[in-house]
C-alpha cells in the first residue's frame, strides 16, 4: 500500500511539473515548491506512518516557492533600476 502511494505521488508530481511550460515564473516556482515539498512530505510520511506530512510539505513548499520567486523579482527590479541610474549618470557625465 505504501509503495503504491509513493509511486502514485511521484507520478502526479512528475505530470504536474511537466505542465509548467505555459506558466508564469511565479506559477512555476510555486508549483515546483509544492512538488518538492510533497516529495519530502511523502518521505517523512513513509517513515512516520502519518501521511498528513505530504499535505504539509506541499503547502510549505508552495509558499516557499512563491516567496523565493517574489524575492528574486524584487532583486531583479532593484538591479535594473541601479543599472538604469548608472547609465543615466554616465550619459550626463559624458555630456559635460
PDB file of N, CA and C in Angstrom:
ATOM      1  N   UNK A   1       0.823  -1.199   0.000  1.00  0.00           N
ATOM      2  CA  UNK A   1       0.000   0.000   0.000  1.00  0.00           C
ATOM      3  C   UNK A   1       0.865   1.260   0.000  1.00  0.00           C
ATOM      4  N   UNK A   2       1.875   1.270   0.891  1.00  0.00           N
ATOM      5  CA  UNK A   2       2.740   2.446   0.973  1.00  0.00           C
ATOM      6  C   UNK A   2       3.489   2.652  -0.336  1.00  0.00           C
ATOM      7  N   UNK A   3       3.926   1.552  -0.933  1.00  0.00           N
ATOM      8  CA  UNK A   3       4.671   1.649  -2.197  1.00  0.00           C
ATOM      9  C   UNK A   3       3.800   2.270  -3.281  1.00  0.00           C
ATOM     10  N   UNK A   4       2.545   1.859  -3.366  1.00  0.00           N
ATOM     11  CA  UNK A   4       1.630   2.414  -4.360  1.00  0.00           C
ATOM     12  C   UNK A   4       1.398   3.907  -4.139  1.00  0.00           C
ATOM     13  N   UNK A   5       1.300   4.307  -2.886  1.00  0.00           N
ATOM     14  CA  UNK A   5       1.095   5.719  -2.568  1.00  0.00           C
ATOM     15  C   UNK A   5       2.316   6.546  -2.958  1.00  0.00           C
ATOM     16  N   UNK A   6       3.497   6.026  -2.688  1.00  0.00           N
ATOM     17  CA  UNK A   6       4.730   6.736  -3.040  1.00  0.00           C
ATOM     18  C   UNK A   6       4.870   6.840  -4.547  1.00  0.00           C
ATOM     19  N   UNK A   7       4.645   5.736  -5.258  1.00  0.00           N
ATOM     20  CA  UNK A   7       4.753   5.750  -6.722  1.00  0.00           C
ATOM     21  C   UNK A   7       3.696   6.675  -7.321  1.00  0.00           C
ATOM     22  N   UNK A   8       2.491   6.616  -6.799  1.00  0.00           N
ATOM     23  CA  UNK A   8       1.420   7.482  -7.295  1.00  0.00           C
ATOM     24  C   UNK A   8       1.713   8.959  -7.067  1.00  0.00           C
ATOM     25  N   UNK A   9       2.199   9.283  -5.889  1.00  0.00           N
ATOM     26  CA  UNK A   9       2.539  10.684  -5.584  1.00  0.00           C
ATOM     27  C   UNK A   9       3.664  11.181  -6.479  1.00  0.00           C
ATOM     28  N   UNK A  10       4.651  10.342  -6.702  1.00  0.00           N
ATOM     29  CA  UNK A  10       5.768  10.716  -7.573  1.00  0.00           C
ATOM     30  C   UNK A  10       5.284  10.942  -8.996  1.00  0.00           C
ATOM     31  N   UNK A  11       4.403  10.091  -9.480  1.00  0.00           N
ATOM     32  CA  UNK A  11       3.858  10.229 -10.829  1.00  0.00           C
ATOM     33  C   UNK A  11       3.046  11.516 -10.969  1.00  0.00           C
ATOM     34  N   UNK A  12       2.243  11.819  -9.983  1.00  0.00           N
ATOM     35  CA  UNK A  12       1.449  13.055 -10.008  1.00  0.00           C
ATOM     36  C   UNK A  12       2.362  14.277 -10.034  1.00  0.00           C
ATOM     37  N   UNK A  13       3.406  14.261  -9.233  1.00  0.00           N
ATOM     38  CA  UNK A  13       4.361  15.388  -9.210  1.00  0.00           C
ATOM     39  C   UNK A  13       5.049  15.537 -10.565  1.00  0.00           C
ATOM     40  N   UNK A  14       5.443  14.436 -11.162  1.00  0.00           N
ATOM     41  CA  UNK A  14       6.119  14.500 -12.460  1.00  0.00           C
ATOM     42  C   UNK A  14       5.201  15.076 -13.530  1.00  0.00           C
ATOM     43  N   UNK A  15       3.960  14.667 -13.545  1.00  0.00           N
ATOM     44  CA  UNK A  15       2.998  15.185 -14.521  1.00  0.00           C
ATOM     45  C   UNK A  15       2.748  16.672 -14.274  1.00  0.00           C
ATOM     46  N   UNK A  16       2.612  17.051 -13.016  1.00  0.00           N
ATOM     47  CA  UNK A  16       2.369  18.464 -12.693  1.00  0.00           C
ATOM     48  C   UNK A  16       3.549  19.333 -13.106  1.00  0.00           C
ATOM     49  N   UNK A  17       4.758  18.858 -12.872  1.00  0.00           N
ATOM     50  CA  UNK A  17       5.937  19.642 -13.249  1.00  0.00           C
ATOM     51  C   UNK A  17       6.098  19.716 -14.761  1.00  0.00           C
ATOM     52  N   UNK A  18       5.654  18.702 -15.480  1.00  0.00           N
ATOM     53  CA  UNK A  18       5.744  18.720 -16.938  1.00  0.00           C
ATOM     54  C   UNK A  18       4.796  19.754 -17.537  1.00  0.00           C
ATOM     55  N   UNK A  19       3.778  20.137 -16.810  1.00  0.00           N
ATOM     56  CA  UNK A  19       2.800  21.099 -17.300  1.00  0.00           C
ATOM     57  C   UNK A  19       3.233  22.548 -17.075  1.00  0.00           C
ATOM     58  N   UNK A  20       4.454  22.773 -16.649  1.00  0.00           N
ATOM     59  CA  UNK A  20       4.939  24.117 -16.314  1.00  0.00           C
ATOM     60  C   UNK A  20       5.286  24.977 -17.523  1.00  0.00           C
ATOM     61  N   UNK A  21       5.242  24.441 -18.717  1.00  0.00           N
ATOM     62  CA  UNK A  21       5.730  25.161 -19.886  1.00  0.00           C
ATOM     63  C   UNK A  21       4.960  26.453 -20.168  1.00  0.00           C
ATOM     64  N   UNK A  22       3.670  26.477 -19.952  1.00  0.00           N
ATOM     65  CA  UNK A  22       2.859  27.653 -20.279  1.00  0.00           C
ATOM     66  C   UNK A  22       2.543  28.517 -19.059  1.00  0.00           C
ATOM     67  N   UNK A  23       3.319  28.368 -17.998  1.00  0.00           N
ATOM     68  CA  UNK A  23       3.049  29.108 -16.775  1.00  0.00           C
ATOM     69  C   UNK A  23       4.005  30.278 -16.627  1.00  0.00           C
ATOM     70  N   UNK A  24       3.592  31.246 -15.812  1.00  0.00           N
ATOM     71  CA  UNK A  24       4.483  32.352 -15.481  1.00  0.00           C
ATOM     72  C   UNK A  24       5.573  31.842 -14.537  1.00  0.00           C
ATOM     73  N   UNK A  25       6.596  32.657 -14.342  1.00  0.00           N
ATOM     74  CA  UNK A  25       7.690  32.267 -13.451  1.00  0.00           C
ATOM     75  C   UNK A  25       7.181  32.051 -12.023  1.00  0.00           C
ATOM     76  N   UNK A  26       6.252  32.882 -11.592  1.00  0.00           N
ATOM     77  CA  UNK A  26       5.696  32.755 -10.244  1.00  0.00           C
ATOM     78  C   UNK A  26       4.926  31.443 -10.092  1.00  0.00           C
ATOM     79  N   UNK A  27       4.134  31.120 -11.097  1.00  0.00           N
ATOM     80  CA  UNK A  27       3.378  29.869 -11.056  1.00  0.00           C
ATOM     81  C   UNK A  27       4.310  28.662 -11.082  1.00  0.00           C
ATOM     82  N   UNK A  28       5.340  28.719 -11.913  1.00  0.00           N
ATOM     83  CA  UNK A  28       6.293  27.613 -11.983  1.00  0.00           C
ATOM     84  C   UNK A  28       7.005  27.415 -10.655  1.00  0.00           C
ATOM     85  N   UNK A  29       7.426  28.505 -10.052  1.00  0.00           N
ATOM     86  CA  UNK A  29       8.133  28.426  -8.776  1.00  0.00           C
ATOM     87  C   UNK A  29       7.231  27.861  -7.680  1.00  0.00           C
ATOM     88  N   UNK A  30       5.988  28.311  -7.652  1.00  0.00           N
ATOM     89  CA  UNK A  30       5.046  27.828  -6.649  1.00  0.00           C
ATOM     90  C   UNK A  30       4.759  26.342  -6.835  1.00  0.00           C
ATOM     91  N   UNK A  31       4.540  25.918  -8.072  1.00  0.00           N
ATOM     92  CA  UNK A  31       4.253  24.515  -8.332  1.00  0.00           C
ATOM     93  C   UNK A  31       5.463  23.636  -8.077  1.00  0.00           C
ATOM     94  N   UNK A  32       6.631  24.111  -8.456  1.00  0.00           N
ATOM     95  CA  UNK A  32       7.851  23.341  -8.196  1.00  0.00           C
ATOM     96  C   UNK A  32       8.061  23.178  -6.691  1.00  0.00           C
ATOM     97  N   UNK A  33       7.859  24.254  -5.953  1.00  0.00           N
ATOM     98  CA  UNK A  33       7.980  24.171  -4.498  1.00  0.00           C
ATOM     99  C   UNK A  33       6.987  23.186  -3.897  1.00  0.00           C
ATOM    100  N   UNK A  34       5.766  23.207  -4.418  1.00  0.00           N
ATOM    101  CA  UNK A  34       4.753  22.263  -3.929  1.00  0.00           C
ATOM    102  C   UNK A  34       5.152  20.830  -4.234  1.00  0.00           C
ATOM    103  N   UNK A  35       5.684  20.606  -5.424  1.00  0.00           N
ATOM    104  CA  UNK A  35       6.111  19.247  -5.793  1.00  0.00           C
ATOM    105  C   UNK A  35       7.248  18.755  -4.930  1.00  0.00           C
ATOM    106  N   UNK A  36       8.230  19.613  -4.717  1.00  0.00           N
ATOM    107  CA  UNK A  36       9.366  19.230  -3.879  1.00  0.00           C
ATOM    108  C   UNK A  36       8.914  19.020  -2.437  1.00  0.00           C
ATOM    109  N   UNK A  37       8.044  19.901  -1.954  1.00  0.00           N
ATOM    110  CA  UNK A  37       7.522  19.751  -0.595  1.00  0.00           C
ATOM    111  C   UNK A  37       6.695  18.486  -0.432  1.00  0.00           C
ATOM    112  N   UNK A  38       5.915  18.156  -1.454  1.00  0.00           N
ATOM    113  CA  UNK A  38       5.125  16.924  -1.402  1.00  0.00           C
ATOM    114  C   UNK A  38       6.035  15.709  -1.345  1.00  0.00           C
ATOM    115  N   UNK A  39       7.071  15.717  -2.184  1.00  0.00           N
ATOM    116  CA  UNK A  39       8.004  14.584  -2.189  1.00  0.00           C
ATOM    117  C   UNK A  39       8.666  14.427  -0.823  1.00  0.00           C
ATOM    118  N   UNK A  40       9.091  15.537  -0.245  1.00  0.00           N
ATOM    119  CA  UNK A  40       9.706  15.470   1.083  1.00  0.00           C
ATOM    120  C   UNK A  40       8.684  14.992   2.119  1.00  0.00           C
ATOM    121  N   UNK A  41       7.447  15.485   2.005  1.00  0.00           N
ATOM    122  CA  UNK A  41       6.397  15.063   2.930  1.00  0.00           C
ATOM    123  C   UNK A  41       6.059  13.595   2.800  1.00  0.00           C
ATOM    124  N   UNK A  42       6.097  13.065   1.585  1.00  0.00           N
ATOM    125  CA  UNK A  42       5.828  11.644   1.367  1.00  0.00           C
ATOM    126  C   UNK A  42       6.924  10.800   2.019  1.00  0.00           C
ATOM    127  N   UNK A  43       8.163  11.246   1.890  1.00  0.00           N
ATOM    128  CA  UNK A  43       9.267  10.513   2.515  1.00  0.00           C
ATOM    129  C   UNK A  43       9.099  10.496   4.034  1.00  0.00           C
ATOM    130  N   UNK A  44       8.815  11.672   4.608  1.00  0.00           N
ATOM    131  CA  UNK A  44       8.608  11.734   6.055  1.00  0.00           C
ATOM    132  C   UNK A  44       7.389  10.902   6.448  1.00  0.00           C
ATOM    133  N   UNK A  45       6.334  10.962   5.644  1.00  0.00           N
ATOM    134  CA  UNK A  45       5.137  10.171   5.926  1.00  0.00           C
ATOM    135  C   UNK A  45       5.397   8.678   5.868  1.00  0.00           C
ATOM    136  N   UNK A  46       6.258   8.263   4.938  1.00  0.00           N
ATOM    137  CA  UNK A  46       6.586   6.839   4.836  1.00  0.00           C
ATOM    138  C   UNK A  46       7.350   6.374   6.074  1.00  0.00           C
ATOM    139  N   UNK A  47       8.187   7.239   6.593  1.00  0.00           N
ATOM    140  CA  UNK A  47       8.973   6.888   7.771  1.00  0.00           C
ATOM    141  C   UNK A  47       8.108   6.881   9.035  1.00  0.00           C
ATOM    142  N   UNK A  48       7.268   7.898   9.179  1.00  0.00           N
ATOM    143  CA  UNK A  48       6.483   8.041  10.406  1.00  0.00           C
ATOM    144  C   UNK A  48       5.134   7.327  10.351  1.00  0.00           C
ATOM    145  N   UNK A  49       4.647   7.076   9.163  1.00  0.00           N
ATOM    146  CA  UNK A  49       3.336   6.456   9.024  1.00  0.00           C
ATOM    147  C   UNK A  49       2.193   7.455   9.052  1.00  0.00           C
ATOM    148  N   UNK A  50       2.496   8.724   9.112  1.00  0.00           N
ATOM    149  CA  UNK A  50       1.474   9.768   9.129  1.00  0.00           C
ATOM    150  C   UNK A  50       1.524  10.517   7.795  1.00  0.00           C
ATOM    151  N   UNK A  51       0.508  10.331   6.968  1.00  0.00           N
ATOM    152  CA  UNK A  51       0.529  10.855   5.607  1.00  0.00           C
ATOM    153  C   UNK A  51       0.120  12.313   5.506  1.00  0.00           C
ATOM    154  N   UNK A  52      -0.240  12.911   6.628  1.00  0.00           N
ATOM    155  CA  UNK A  52      -0.541  14.338   6.615  1.00  0.00           C
ATOM    156  C   UNK A  52       0.713  15.146   6.299  1.00  0.00           C
ATOM    157  N   UNK A  53       1.889  14.554   6.472  1.00  0.00           N
ATOM    158  CA  UNK A  53       3.142  15.224   6.141  1.00  0.00           C
ATOM    159  C   UNK A  53       3.208  15.591   4.668  1.00  0.00           C
ATOM    160  N   UNK A  54       2.593  14.776   3.810  1.00  0.00           N
ATOM    161  CA  UNK A  54       2.616  15.079   2.370  1.00  0.00           C
ATOM    162  C   UNK A  54       1.869  16.382   2.091  1.00  0.00           C
ATOM    163  N   UNK A  55       0.720  16.554   2.706  1.00  0.00           N
ATOM    164  CA  UNK A  55      -0.050  17.790   2.518  1.00  0.00           C
ATOM    165  C   UNK A  55       0.676  18.977   3.132  1.00  0.00           C
ATOM    166  N   UNK A  56       1.254  18.782   4.301  1.00  0.00           N
ATOM    167  CA  UNK A  56       2.001  19.864   4.944  1.00  0.00           C
ATOM    168  C   UNK A  56       3.213  20.239   4.101  1.00  0.00           C
ATOM    169  N   UNK A  57       3.896  19.256   3.571  1.00  0.00           N
ATOM    170  CA  UNK A  57       5.055  19.518   2.717  1.00  0.00           C
ATOM    171  C   UNK A  57       4.665  20.286   1.467  1.00  0.00           C
ATOM    172  N   UNK A  58       3.530  19.919   0.883  1.00  0.00           N
ATOM    173  CA  UNK A  58       3.056  20.621  -0.313  1.00  0.00           C
ATOM    174  C   UNK A  58       2.747  22.080  -0.002  1.00  0.00           C
ATOM    175  N   UNK A  59       2.076  22.329   1.108  1.00  0.00           N
ATOM    176  CA  UNK A  59       1.725  23.704   1.478  1.00  0.00           C
ATOM    177  C   UNK A  59       2.970  24.535   1.786  1.00  0.00           C
ATOM    178  N   UNK A  60       3.876  23.967   2.551  1.00  0.00           N
ATOM    179  CA  UNK A  60       5.097  24.688   2.895  1.00  0.00           C
ATOM    180  C   UNK A  60       5.944  24.929   1.651  1.00  0.00           C
ATOM    181  N   UNK A  61       6.055  23.916   0.799  1.00  0.00           N
ATOM    182  CA  UNK A  61       6.840  24.055  -0.436  1.00  0.00           C
ATOM    183  C   UNK A  61       6.257  25.090  -1.379  1.00  0.00           C
ATOM    184  N   UNK A  62       4.940  25.101  -1.528  1.00  0.00           N
ATOM    185  CA  UNK A  62       4.299  26.087  -2.407  1.00  0.00           C
ATOM    186  C   UNK A  62       4.520  27.503  -1.881  1.00  0.00           C
ATOM    187  N   UNK A  63       4.346  27.680  -0.595  1.00  0.00           N
ATOM    188  CA  UNK A  63       4.576  29.002  -0.007  1.00  0.00           C
ATOM    189  C   UNK A  63       6.013  29.448  -0.162  1.00  0.00           C
ATOM    190  N   UNK A  64       6.941  28.549   0.084  1.00  0.00           N
ATOM    191  CA  UNK A  64       8.357  28.880  -0.053  1.00  0.00           C
ATOM    192  C   UNK A  64       8.708  29.211  -1.498  1.00  0.00           C
ATOM    193  N   UNK A  65       8.193  28.424  -2.436  1.00  0.00           N
ATOM    194  CA  UNK A  65       8.450  28.690  -3.852  1.00  0.00           C
ATOM    195  C   UNK A  65       7.950  30.052  -4.278  1.00  0.00           C
ATOM    196  N   UNK A  66       6.775  30.416  -3.819  1.00  0.00           N
ATOM    197  CA  UNK A  66       6.204  31.728  -4.151  1.00  0.00           C
ATOM    198  C   UNK A  66       7.041  32.854  -3.559  1.00  0.00           C
ATOM    199  N   UNK A  67       7.403  32.718  -2.294  1.00  0.00           N
ATOM    200  CA  UNK A  67       8.170  33.767  -1.618  1.00  0.00           C
ATOM    201  C   UNK A  67       9.543  33.934  -2.264  1.00  0.00           C
ATOM    202  N   UNK A  68      10.201  32.831  -2.584  1.00  0.00           N
ATOM    203  CA  UNK A  68      11.521  32.903  -3.226  1.00  0.00           C
ATOM    204  C   UNK A  68      11.414  33.601  -4.577  1.00  0.00           C
ATOM    205  N   UNK A  69      10.390  33.278  -5.352  1.00  0.00           N
ATOM    206  CA  UNK A  69      10.214  33.917  -6.658  1.00  0.00           C
ATOM    207  C   UNK A  69       9.970  35.407  -6.512  1.00  0.00           C
ATOM    208  N   UNK A  70       9.137  35.807  -5.563  1.00  0.00           N
ATOM    209  CA  UNK A  70       8.866  37.226  -5.352  1.00  0.00           C
ATOM    210  C   UNK A  70      10.137  37.976  -4.965  1.00  0.00           C
ATOM    211  N   UNK A  71      10.957  37.360  -4.116  1.00  0.00           N
ATOM    212  CA  UNK A  71      12.214  37.987  -3.710  1.00  0.00           C
ATOM    213  C   UNK A  71      13.146  38.139  -4.912  1.00  0.00           C
ATOM    214  N   UNK A  72      13.203  37.131  -5.769  1.00  0.00           N
ATOM    215  CA  UNK A  72      14.038  37.216  -6.971  1.00  0.00           C
ATOM    216  C   UNK A  72      13.552  38.325  -7.900  1.00  0.00           C
ATOM    217  N   UNK A  73      12.247  38.470  -8.030  1.00  0.00           N
ATOM    218  CA  UNK A  73      11.695  39.530  -8.880  1.00  0.00           C
ATOM    219  C   UNK A  73      12.056  40.910  -8.331  1.00  0.00           C
ATOM    220  N   UNK A  74      11.964  41.093  -7.007  1.00  0.00           N
ATOM    221  CA  UNK A  74      12.342  42.360  -6.389  1.00  0.00           C
ATOM    222  C   UNK A  74      13.824  42.651  -6.589  1.00  0.00           C
ATOM    223  N   UNK A  75      14.648  41.633  -6.467  1.00  0.00           N
ATOM    224  CA  UNK A  75      16.081  41.805  -6.645  1.00  0.00           C
ATOM    225  C   UNK A  75      16.410  42.194  -8.087  1.00  0.00           C
ATOM    226  N   UNK A  76      15.770  41.546  -9.049  1.00  0.00           N
ATOM    227  CA  UNK A  76      15.985  41.891 -10.461  1.00  0.00           C
ATOM    228  C   UNK A  76      15.555  43.324 -10.750  1.00  0.00           C
ATOM    229  N   UNK A  77      14.423  43.735 -10.186  1.00  0.00           N
ATOM    230  CA  UNK A  77      13.942  45.104 -10.396  1.00  0.00           C
ATOM    231  C   UNK A  77      14.914  46.120  -9.802  1.00  0.00           C
ATOM    232  N   UNK A  78      15.458  45.821  -8.629  1.00  0.00           N
ATOM    233  CA  UNK A  78      16.416  46.730  -8.000  1.00  0.00           C
ATOM    234  C   UNK A  78      17.703  46.805  -8.823  1.00  0.00           C
ATOM    235  N   UNK A  79      18.151  45.681  -9.346  1.00  0.00           N
ATOM    236  CA  UNK A  79      19.354  45.674 -10.182  1.00  0.00           C
ATOM    237  C   UNK A  79      19.126  46.455 -11.464  1.00  0.00           C
ATOM    238  N   UNK A  80      17.962  46.297 -12.063  1.00  0.00           N
ATOM    239  CA  UNK A  80      17.650  47.026 -13.291  1.00  0.00           C
ATOM    240  C   UNK A  80      17.592  48.531 -13.035  1.00  0.00           C
ATOM    241  N   UNK A  81      16.990  48.917 -11.916  1.00  0.00           N
ATOM    242  CA  UNK A  81      16.910  50.341 -11.573  1.00  0.00           C
ATOM    243  C   UNK A  81      18.308  50.914 -11.339  1.00  0.00           C
ATOM    244  N   UNK A  82      19.171  50.168 -10.662  1.00  0.00           N
ATOM    245  CA  UNK A  82      20.535  50.636 -10.423  1.00  0.00           C
ATOM    246  C   UNK A  82      21.307  50.740 -11.735  1.00  0.00           C
ATOM    247  N   UNK A  83      21.099  49.795 -12.634  1.00  0.00           N
ATOM    248  CA  UNK A  83      21.754  49.848 -13.939  1.00  0.00           C
ATOM    249  C   UNK A  83      21.316  51.078 -14.723  1.00  0.00           C
ATOM    250  N   UNK A  84      20.013  51.307 -14.757  1.00  0.00           N
ATOM    251  CA  UNK A  84      19.494  52.460 -15.490  1.00  0.00           C
ATOM    252  C   UNK A  84      19.985  53.781 -14.886  1.00  0.00           C
ATOM    253  N   UNK A  85      20.084  53.840 -13.565  1.00  0.00           N
ATOM    254  CA  UNK A  85      20.608  55.032 -12.909  1.00  0.00           C
ATOM    255  C   UNK A  85      22.079  55.247 -13.278  1.00  0.00           C
ATOM    256  N   UNK A  86      22.831  54.162 -13.348  1.00  0.00           N
ATOM    257  CA  UNK A  86      24.227  54.262 -13.746  1.00  0.00           C
ATOM    258  C   UNK A  86      24.389  54.718 -15.182  1.00  0.00           C
ATOM    259  N   UNK A  87      23.547  54.221 -16.065  1.00  0.00           N
ATOM    260  CA  UNK A  87      23.589  54.646 -17.466  1.00  0.00           C
ATOM    261  C   UNK A  87      23.255  56.131 -17.568  1.00  0.00           C
ATOM    262  N   UNK A  88      22.243  56.548 -16.840  1.00  0.00           N
ATOM    263  CA  UNK A  88      21.834  57.955 -16.853  1.00  0.00           C
ATOM    264  C   UNK A  88      22.973  58.856 -16.352  1.00  0.00           C
ATOM    265  N   UNK A  89      23.612  58.441 -15.259  1.00  0.00           N
ATOM    266  CA  UNK A  89      24.721  59.230 -14.709  1.00  0.00           C
ATOM    267  C   UNK A  89      25.890  59.260 -15.682  1.00  0.00           C
ATOM    268  N   UNK A  90      26.153  58.160 -16.333  1.00  0.00           N
ATOM    269  CA  UNK A  90      27.235  58.101 -17.322  1.00  0.00           C
ATOM    270  C   UNK A  90      26.984  59.007 -18.504  1.00  0.00           C
ATOM    271  N   UNK A  91      25.745  59.046 -18.974  1.00  0.00           N
ATOM    272  CA  UNK A  91      25.398  59.926 -20.097  1.00  0.00           C
ATOM    273  C   UNK A  91      25.538  61.393 -19.706  1.00  0.00           C
ATOM    274  N   UNK A  92      25.102  61.720 -18.492  1.00  0.00           N
ATOM    275  CA  UNK A  92      25.220  63.112 -18.028  1.00  0.00           C
ATOM    276  C   UNK A  92      26.693  63.534 -17.914  1.00  0.00           C
ATOM    277  N   UNK A  93      27.506  62.623 -17.422  1.00  0.00           N
ATOM    278  CA  UNK A  93      28.923  62.954 -17.272  1.00  0.00           C
ATOM    279  C   UNK A  93      29.604  63.066 -18.635  1.00  0.00           C
ATOM    280  N   UNK A  94      29.201  62.248 -19.598  1.00  0.00           N
ATOM    281  CA  UNK A  94      29.787  62.298 -20.930  1.00  0.00           C
ATOM    282  C   UNK A  94      29.421  63.597 -21.651  1.00  0.00           C
ATOM    283  N   UNK A  95      28.274  64.184 -21.345  1.00  0.00           N
ATOM    284  CA  UNK A  95      27.851  65.423 -21.995  1.00  0.00           C
ATOM    285  C   UNK A  95      28.582  66.642 -21.462  1.00  0.00           C
ATOM    286  N   UNK A  96      29.217  66.519 -20.318  1.00  0.00           N
ATOM    287  CA  UNK A  96      29.903  67.669 -19.705  1.00  0.00           C
ATOM    288  C   UNK A  96      31.220  67.951 -20.336  1.00  0.00           C
TER     289      UNK A  96
END
